[in-house]
Each structure stands twice: as structure tokens, then as C-alpha cells.
ModelCIF file with pLDDT and N, C-alpha, C, O atoms, coordinates in Angstrom:
data_MODEL
#
_entry.id   MODEL 
#
_entity.id                         1 
_entity.type                       polymer 
_entity.pdbx_number_of_molecules   1 
#
_entity_poly.entity_id                      1 
_entity_poly.type                           'polypeptide(L)' 
_entity_poly.nstd_linkage                   no 
_entity_poly.nstd_monomer                   no 
_entity_poly.pdbx_seq_one_letter_code       VSMVVMSMVWSFLLSPANGLISYAAREMDLSVV 
_entity_poly.pdbx_seq_one_letter_code_can   VSMVVMSMVWSFLLSPANGLISYAAREMDLSVV 
_entity_poly.pdbx_strand_id                 A 
#
loop_
_entity_poly_seq.entity_id 
_entity_poly_seq.num 
_entity_poly_seq.mon_id 
_entity_poly_seq.hetero 
1 1  VAL n 
1 2  SER n 
1 3  MET n 
1 4  VAL n 
1 5  VAL n 
1 6  MET n 
1 7  SER n 
1 8  MET n 
1 9  VAL n 
1 10 TRP n 
1 11 SER n 
1 12 PHE n 
1 13 LEU n 
1 14 LEU n 
1 15 SER n 
1 16 PRO n 
1 17 ALA n 
1 18 ASN n 
1 19 GLY n 
1 20 LEU n 
1 21 ILE n 
1 22 SER n 
1 23 TYR n 
1 24 ALA n 
1 25 ALA n 
1 26 ARG n 
1 27 GLU n 
1 28 MET n 
1 29 ASP n 
1 30 LEU n 
1 31 SER n 
1 32 VAL n 
1 33 VAL n 
#
_struct_asym.id          A 
_struct_asym.entity_id   1 
#
loop_
_ma_qa_metric.id 
_ma_qa_metric.mode 
_ma_qa_metric.name 
_ma_qa_metric.software_group_id 
_ma_qa_metric.type 
1 global pLDDT . pLDDT 
2 local  pLDDT . pLDDT 
#
_ma_qa_metric_global.metric_id      1 
_ma_qa_metric_global.metric_value   80.45 
_ma_qa_metric_global.model_id       1 
_ma_qa_metric_global.ordinal_id     1 
#
loop_
_ma_qa_metric_local.label_asym_id 
_ma_qa_metric_local.label_comp_id 
_ma_qa_metric_local.label_seq_id 
_ma_qa_metric_local.metric_id 
_ma_qa_metric_local.metric_value 
_ma_qa_metric_local.model_id 
_ma_qa_metric_local.ordinal_id 
A VAL 1  2 83.00 1 1  
A SER 2  2 82.00 1 2  
A MET 3  2 84.00 1 3  
A VAL 4  2 85.00 1 4  
A VAL 5  2 86.00 1 5  
A MET 6  2 86.00 1 6  
A SER 7  2 85.00 1 7  
A MET 8  2 86.00 1 8  
A VAL 9  2 86.00 1 9  
A TRP 10 2 87.00 1 10 
A SER 11 2 85.00 1 11 
A PHE 12 2 85.00 1 12 
A LEU 13 2 85.00 1 13 
A LEU 14 2 84.00 1 14 
A SER 15 2 82.00 1 15 
A PRO 16 2 78.00 1 16 
A ALA 17 2 76.00 1 17 
A ASN 18 2 78.00 1 18 
A GLY 19 2 77.00 1 19 
A LEU 20 2 82.00 1 20 
A ILE 21 2 80.00 1 21 
A SER 22 2 79.00 1 22 
A TYR 23 2 80.00 1 23 
A ALA 24 2 81.00 1 24 
A ALA 25 2 77.00 1 25 
A ARG 26 2 77.00 1 26 
A GLU 27 2 77.00 1 27 
A MET 28 2 80.00 1 28 
A ASP 29 2 72.00 1 29 
A LEU 30 2 71.00 1 30 
A SER 31 2 73.00 1 31 
A VAL 32 2 71.00 1 32 
A VAL 33 2 75.00 1 33 
#
loop_
_atom_site.group_PDB 
_atom_site.id 
_atom_site.type_symbol 
_atom_site.label_atom_id 
_atom_site.label_alt_id 
_atom_site.label_comp_id 
_atom_site.label_asym_id 
_atom_site.label_entity_id 
_atom_site.label_seq_id 
_atom_site.pdbx_PDB_ins_code 
_atom_site.Cartn_x 
_atom_site.Cartn_y 
_atom_site.Cartn_z 
_atom_site.occupancy 
_atom_site.B_iso_or_equiv 
_atom_site.pdbx_formal_charge 
_atom_site.auth_seq_id 
_atom_site.auth_comp_id 
_atom_site.auth_asym_id 
_atom_site.auth_atom_id 
_atom_site.pdbx_PDB_model_num 
ATOM 1   N N  . VAL A 1 1  ? -7.847 16.840 10.701  1.00 83.00 ? 1  VAL A N  1 
ATOM 2   C CA . VAL A 1 1  ? -6.716 15.945 10.928  1.00 83.00 ? 1  VAL A CA 1 
ATOM 3   C C  . VAL A 1 1  ? -5.422 16.680 10.585  1.00 83.00 ? 1  VAL A C  1 
ATOM 4   O O  . VAL A 1 1  ? -5.365 17.429 9.611   1.00 83.00 ? 1  VAL A O  1 
ATOM 5   N N  . SER A 1 2  ? -4.400 16.463 11.381  1.00 82.00 ? 2  SER A N  1 
ATOM 6   C CA . SER A 1 2  ? -3.107 17.110 11.148  1.00 82.00 ? 2  SER A CA 1 
ATOM 7   C C  . SER A 1 2  ? -2.571 16.771 9.760   1.00 82.00 ? 2  SER A C  1 
ATOM 8   O O  . SER A 1 2  ? -2.718 15.645 9.286   1.00 82.00 ? 2  SER A O  1 
ATOM 9   N N  . MET A 1 3  ? -1.946 17.762 9.111   1.00 84.00 ? 3  MET A N  1 
ATOM 10  C CA . MET A 1 3  ? -1.353 17.539 7.795   1.00 84.00 ? 3  MET A CA 1 
ATOM 11  C C  . MET A 1 3  ? -0.247 16.501 7.862   1.00 84.00 ? 3  MET A C  1 
ATOM 12  O O  . MET A 1 3  ? 0.006  15.797 6.884   1.00 84.00 ? 3  MET A O  1 
ATOM 13  N N  . VAL A 1 4  ? 0.413  16.400 9.009   1.00 85.00 ? 4  VAL A N  1 
ATOM 14  C CA . VAL A 1 4  ? 1.451  15.377 9.194   1.00 85.00 ? 4  VAL A CA 1 
ATOM 15  C C  . VAL A 1 4  ? 0.826  13.989 9.104   1.00 85.00 ? 4  VAL A C  1 
ATOM 16  O O  . VAL A 1 4  ? 1.351  13.102 8.431   1.00 85.00 ? 4  VAL A O  1 
ATOM 17  N N  . VAL A 1 5  ? -0.305 13.811 9.792   1.00 86.00 ? 5  VAL A N  1 
ATOM 18  C CA . VAL A 1 5  ? -0.982 12.512 9.789   1.00 86.00 ? 5  VAL A CA 1 
ATOM 19  C C  . VAL A 1 5  ? -1.476 12.174 8.384   1.00 86.00 ? 5  VAL A C  1 
ATOM 20  O O  . VAL A 1 5  ? -1.300 11.050 7.916   1.00 86.00 ? 5  VAL A O  1 
ATOM 21  N N  . MET A 1 6  ? -2.094 13.146 7.713   1.00 86.00 ? 6  MET A N  1 
ATOM 22  C CA . MET A 1 6  ? -2.594 12.904 6.361   1.00 86.00 ? 6  MET A CA 1 
ATOM 23  C C  . MET A 1 6  ? -1.460 12.563 5.406   1.00 86.00 ? 6  MET A C  1 
ATOM 24  O O  . MET A 1 6  ? -1.609 11.691 4.550   1.00 86.00 ? 6  MET A O  1 
ATOM 25  N N  . SER A 1 7  ? -0.331 13.243 5.545   1.00 85.00 ? 7  SER A N  1 
ATOM 26  C CA . SER A 1 7  ? 0.826  12.963 4.684   1.00 85.00 ? 7  SER A CA 1 
ATOM 27  C C  . SER A 1 7  ? 1.367  11.554 4.928   1.00 85.00 ? 7  SER A C  1 
ATOM 28  O O  . SER A 1 7  ? 1.779  10.871 3.990   1.00 85.00 ? 7  SER A O  1 
ATOM 29  N N  . MET A 1 8  ? 1.365  11.124 6.189   1.00 86.00 ? 8  MET A N  1 
ATOM 30  C CA . MET A 1 8  ? 1.833  9.767  6.500   1.00 86.00 ? 8  MET A CA 1 
ATOM 31  C C  . MET A 1 8  ? 0.885  8.721  5.928   1.00 86.00 ? 8  MET A C  1 
ATOM 32  O O  . MET A 1 8  ? 1.322  7.669  5.462   1.00 86.00 ? 8  MET A O  1 
ATOM 33  N N  . VAL A 1 9  ? -0.418 9.012  5.965   1.00 86.00 ? 9  VAL A N  1 
ATOM 34  C CA . VAL A 1 9  ? -1.395 8.078  5.385   1.00 86.00 ? 9  VAL A CA 1 
ATOM 35  C C  . VAL A 1 9  ? -1.171 7.958  3.881   1.00 86.00 ? 9  VAL A C  1 
ATOM 36  O O  . VAL A 1 9  ? -1.139 6.855  3.335   1.00 86.00 ? 9  VAL A O  1 
ATOM 37  N N  . TRP A 1 10 ? -1.017 9.101  3.216   1.00 87.00 ? 10 TRP A N  1 
ATOM 38  C CA . TRP A 1 10 ? -0.790 9.068  1.771   1.00 87.00 ? 10 TRP A CA 1 
ATOM 39  C C  . TRP A 1 10 ? 0.566  8.447  1.439   1.00 87.00 ? 10 TRP A C  1 
ATOM 40  O O  . TRP A 1 10 ? 0.711  7.802  0.400   1.00 87.00 ? 10 TRP A O  1 
ATOM 41  N N  . SER A 1 11 ? 1.549  8.633  2.299   1.00 85.00 ? 11 SER A N  1 
ATOM 42  C CA . SER A 1 11 ? 2.859  8.007  2.081   1.00 85.00 ? 11 SER A CA 1 
ATOM 43  C C  . SER A 1 11 ? 2.728  6.487  2.110   1.00 85.00 ? 11 SER A C  1 
ATOM 44  O O  . SER A 1 11 ? 3.355  5.785  1.316   1.00 85.00 ? 11 SER A O  1 
ATOM 45  N N  . PHE A 1 12 ? 1.910  5.989  3.032   1.00 85.00 ? 12 PHE A N  1 
ATOM 46  C CA . PHE A 1 12 ? 1.673  4.542  3.085   1.00 85.00 ? 12 PHE A CA 1 
ATOM 47  C C  . PHE A 1 12 ? 0.934  4.063  1.833   1.00 85.00 ? 12 PHE A C  1 
ATOM 48  O O  . PHE A 1 12 ? 1.291  3.038  1.252   1.00 85.00 ? 12 PHE A O  1 
ATOM 49  N N  . LEU A 1 13 ? -0.084 4.800  1.424   1.00 85.00 ? 13 LEU A N  1 
ATOM 50  C CA . LEU A 1 13 ? -0.869 4.394  0.262   1.00 85.00 ? 13 LEU A CA 1 
ATOM 51  C C  . LEU A 1 13 ? -0.034 4.394  -1.015  1.00 85.00 ? 13 LEU A C  1 
ATOM 52  O O  . LEU A 1 13 ? -0.218 3.531  -1.874  1.00 85.00 ? 13 LEU A O  1 
ATOM 53  N N  . LEU A 1 14 ? 0.883  5.355  -1.148  1.00 84.00 ? 14 LEU A N  1 
ATOM 54  C CA . LEU A 1 14 ? 1.631  5.539  -2.388  1.00 84.00 ? 14 LEU A CA 1 
ATOM 55  C C  . LEU A 1 14 ? 2.995  4.855  -2.388  1.00 84.00 ? 14 LEU A C  1 
ATOM 56  O O  . LEU A 1 14 ? 3.713  4.918  -3.386  1.00 84.00 ? 14 LEU A O  1 
ATOM 57  N N  . SER A 1 15 ? 3.360  4.209  -1.297  1.00 82.00 ? 15 SER A N  1 
ATOM 58  C CA . SER A 1 15 ? 4.667  3.549  -1.228  1.00 82.00 ? 15 SER A CA 1 
ATOM 59  C C  . SER A 1 15 ? 4.781  2.463  -2.295  1.00 82.00 ? 15 SER A C  1 
ATOM 60  O O  . SER A 1 15 ? 3.905  1.602  -2.389  1.00 82.00 ? 15 SER A O  1 
ATOM 61  N N  . PRO A 1 16 ? 5.856  2.488  -3.110  1.00 78.00 ? 16 PRO A N  1 
ATOM 62  C CA . PRO A 1 16 ? 5.984  1.470  -4.162  1.00 78.00 ? 16 PRO A CA 1 
ATOM 63  C C  . PRO A 1 16 ? 6.307  0.079  -3.612  1.00 78.00 ? 16 PRO A C  1 
ATOM 64  O O  . PRO A 1 16 ? 6.074  -0.915 -4.299  1.00 78.00 ? 16 PRO A O  1 
ATOM 65  N N  . ALA A 1 17 ? 6.834  -0.013 -2.396  1.00 76.00 ? 17 ALA A N  1 
ATOM 66  C CA . ALA A 1 17 ? 7.219  -1.304 -1.838  1.00 76.00 ? 17 ALA A CA 1 
ATOM 67  C C  . ALA A 1 17 ? 6.032  -2.026 -1.208  1.00 76.00 ? 17 ALA A C  1 
ATOM 68  O O  . ALA A 1 17 ? 5.745  -3.173 -1.551  1.00 76.00 ? 17 ALA A O  1 
ATOM 69  N N  . ASN A 1 18 ? 5.343  -1.354 -0.284  1.00 78.00 ? 18 ASN A N  1 
ATOM 70  C CA . ASN A 1 18 ? 4.243  -2.022 0.431   1.00 78.00 ? 18 ASN A CA 1 
ATOM 71  C C  . ASN A 1 18 ? 2.983  -1.179 0.515   1.00 78.00 ? 18 ASN A C  1 
ATOM 72  O O  . ASN A 1 18 ? 2.144  -1.409 1.386   1.00 78.00 ? 18 ASN A O  1 
ATOM 73  N N  . GLY A 1 19 ? 2.837  -0.213 -0.369  1.00 77.00 ? 19 GLY A N  1 
ATOM 74  C CA . GLY A 1 19 ? 1.654  0.642  -0.355  1.00 77.00 ? 19 GLY A CA 1 
ATOM 75  C C  . GLY A 1 19 ? 0.432  -0.049 -0.912  1.00 77.00 ? 19 GLY A C  1 
ATOM 76  O O  . GLY A 1 19 ? 0.540  -1.006 -1.679  1.00 77.00 ? 19 GLY A O  1 
ATOM 77  N N  . LEU A 1 20 ? -0.718 0.434  -0.526  1.00 82.00 ? 20 LEU A N  1 
ATOM 78  C CA . LEU A 1 20 ? -1.978 -0.179 -0.944  1.00 82.00 ? 20 LEU A CA 1 
ATOM 79  C C  . LEU A 1 20 ? -2.172 -0.084 -2.448  1.00 82.00 ? 20 LEU A C  1 
ATOM 80  O O  . LEU A 1 20 ? -2.669 -1.025 -3.065  1.00 82.00 ? 20 LEU A O  1 
ATOM 81  N N  . ILE A 1 21 ? -1.788 1.039  -3.047  1.00 80.00 ? 21 ILE A N  1 
ATOM 82  C CA . ILE A 1 21 ? -1.952 1.215  -4.495  1.00 80.00 ? 21 ILE A CA 1 
ATOM 83  C C  . ILE A 1 21 ? -1.047 0.250  -5.260  1.00 80.00 ? 21 ILE A C  1 
ATOM 84  O O  . ILE A 1 21 ? -1.474 -0.362 -6.239  1.00 80.00 ? 21 ILE A O  1 
ATOM 85  N N  . SER A 1 22 ? 0.203  0.116  -4.813  1.00 79.00 ? 22 SER A N  1 
ATOM 86  C CA . SER A 1 22 ? 1.122  -0.827 -5.463  1.00 79.00 ? 22 SER A CA 1 
ATOM 87  C C  . SER A 1 22 ? 0.648  -2.267 -5.279  1.00 79.00 ? 22 SER A C  1 
ATOM 88  O O  . SER A 1 22 ? 0.778  -3.085 -6.190  1.00 79.00 ? 22 SER A O  1 
ATOM 89  N N  . TYR A 1 23 ? 0.108  -2.574 -4.120  1.00 80.00 ? 23 TYR A N  1 
ATOM 90  C CA . TYR A 1 23 ? -0.411 -3.930 -3.868  1.00 80.00 ? 23 TYR A CA 1 
ATOM 91  C C  . TYR A 1 23 ? -1.563 -4.245 -4.822  1.00 80.00 ? 23 TYR A C  1 
ATOM 92  O O  . TYR A 1 23 ? -1.632 -5.338 -5.384  1.00 80.00 ? 23 TYR A O  1 
ATOM 93  N N  . ALA A 1 24 ? -2.479 -3.264 -5.002  1.00 81.00 ? 24 ALA A N  1 
ATOM 94  C CA . ALA A 1 24 ? -3.596 -3.477 -5.919  1.00 81.00 ? 24 ALA A CA 1 
ATOM 95  C C  . ALA A 1 24 ? -3.096 -3.653 -7.348  1.00 81.00 ? 24 ALA A C  1 
ATOM 96  O O  . ALA A 1 24 ? -3.640 -4.454 -8.108  1.00 81.00 ? 24 ALA A O  1 
ATOM 97  N N  . ALA A 1 25 ? -2.052 -2.898 -7.713  1.00 77.00 ? 25 ALA A N  1 
ATOM 98  C CA . ALA A 1 25 ? -1.494 -3.031 -9.064  1.00 77.00 ? 25 ALA A CA 1 
ATOM 99  C C  . ALA A 1 25 ? -0.871 -4.415 -9.264  1.00 77.00 ? 25 ALA A C  1 
ATOM 100 O O  . ALA A 1 25 ? -1.023 -5.015 -10.328 1.00 77.00 ? 25 ALA A O  1 
ATOM 101 N N  . ARG A 1 26 ? -0.173 -4.921 -8.246  1.00 77.00 ? 26 ARG A N  1 
ATOM 102 C CA . ARG A 1 26 ? 0.441  -6.255 -8.360  1.00 77.00 ? 26 ARG A CA 1 
ATOM 103 C C  . ARG A 1 26 ? -0.630 -7.346 -8.446  1.00 77.00 ? 26 ARG A C  1 
ATOM 104 O O  . ARG A 1 26 ? -0.472 -8.328 -9.172  1.00 77.00 ? 26 ARG A O  1 
ATOM 105 N N  . GLU A 1 27 ? -1.711 -7.162 -7.703  1.00 77.00 ? 27 GLU A N  1 
ATOM 106 C CA . GLU A 1 27 ? -2.785 -8.155 -7.741  1.00 77.00 ? 27 GLU A CA 1 
ATOM 107 C C  . GLU A 1 27 ? -3.446 -8.210 -9.113  1.00 77.00 ? 27 GLU A C  1 
ATOM 108 O O  . GLU A 1 27 ? -3.978 -9.246 -9.511  1.00 77.00 ? 27 GLU A O  1 
ATOM 109 N N  . MET A 1 28 ? -3.410 -7.098 -9.831  1.00 80.00 ? 28 MET A N  1 
ATOM 110 C CA . MET A 1 28 ? -3.993 -7.052 -11.172 1.00 80.00 ? 28 MET A CA 1 
ATOM 111 C C  . MET A 1 28 ? -2.934 -7.284 -12.249 1.00 80.00 ? 28 MET A C  1 
ATOM 112 O O  . MET A 1 28 ? -3.156 -7.006 -13.428 1.00 80.00 ? 28 MET A O  1 
ATOM 113 N N  . ASP A 1 29 ? -1.761 -7.807 -11.814 1.00 72.00 ? 29 ASP A N  1 
ATOM 114 C CA . ASP A 1 29 ? -0.654 -8.133 -12.734 1.00 72.00 ? 29 ASP A CA 1 
ATOM 115 C C  . ASP A 1 29 ? -0.185 -6.920 -13.532 1.00 72.00 ? 29 ASP A C  1 
ATOM 116 O O  . ASP A 1 29 ? 0.175  -7.037 -14.703 1.00 72.00 ? 29 ASP A O  1 
ATOM 117 N N  . LEU A 1 30 ? -0.193 -5.755 -12.885 1.00 71.00 ? 30 LEU A N  1 
ATOM 118 C CA . LEU A 1 30 ? 0.313  -4.545 -13.517 1.00 71.00 ? 30 LEU A CA 1 
ATOM 119 C C  . LEU A 1 30 ? 1.727  -4.251 -13.002 1.00 71.00 ? 30 LEU A C  1 
ATOM 120 O O  . LEU A 1 30 ? 2.184  -4.855 -12.032 1.00 71.00 ? 30 LEU A O  1 
ATOM 121 N N  . SER A 1 31 ? 2.398  -3.327 -13.658 1.00 73.00 ? 31 SER A N  1 
ATOM 122 C CA . SER A 1 31 ? 3.750  -2.966 -13.232 1.00 73.00 ? 31 SER A CA 1 
ATOM 123 C C  . SER A 1 31 ? 3.703  -2.209 -11.913 1.00 73.00 ? 31 SER A C  1 
ATOM 124 O O  . SER A 1 31 ? 2.655  -1.708 -11.506 1.00 73.00 ? 31 SER A O  1 
ATOM 125 N N  . VAL A 1 32 ? 4.855  -2.133 -11.250 1.00 71.00 ? 32 VAL A N  1 
ATOM 126 C CA . VAL A 1 32 ? 4.942  -1.439 -9.969  1.00 71.00 ? 32 VAL A CA 1 
ATOM 127 C C  . VAL A 1 32 ? 4.630  0.050  -10.167 1.00 71.00 ? 32 VAL A C  1 
ATOM 128 O O  . VAL A 1 32 ? 5.166  0.701  -11.064 1.00 71.00 ? 32 VAL A O  1 
ATOM 129 N N  . VAL A 1 33 ? 3.755  0.564  -9.310  1.00 75.00 ? 33 VAL A N  1 
ATOM 130 C CA . VAL A 1 33 ? 3.358  1.963  -9.404  1.00 75.00 ? 33 VAL A CA 1 
ATOM 131 C C  . VAL A 1 33 ? 4.186  2.787  -8.421  1.00 75.00 ? 33 VAL A C  1 
ATOM 132 O O  . VAL A 1 33 ? 4.012  4.003  -8.335  1.00 75.00 ? 33 VAL A O  1 
#
């Protein structure tokens, strides 16, 4: 997979506003990651 595509996927996962990791942290009542 292109490094550009992988970087965009990780950018989505790590986004503090709407990323999957931040969403999981909010669901567990943790601070914004």
C-alpha cells in the first residue's frame, strides 16, 4: 500500500477531533488524546 494512503489512514485514526482513538477515549470517559 502506498505510504501516502497509510499516512492518511493513520492521520484519521490519530485525529484528536474525529479520530477513532480519540472517539474510543471519549467513550471511556478519558481525556482527549
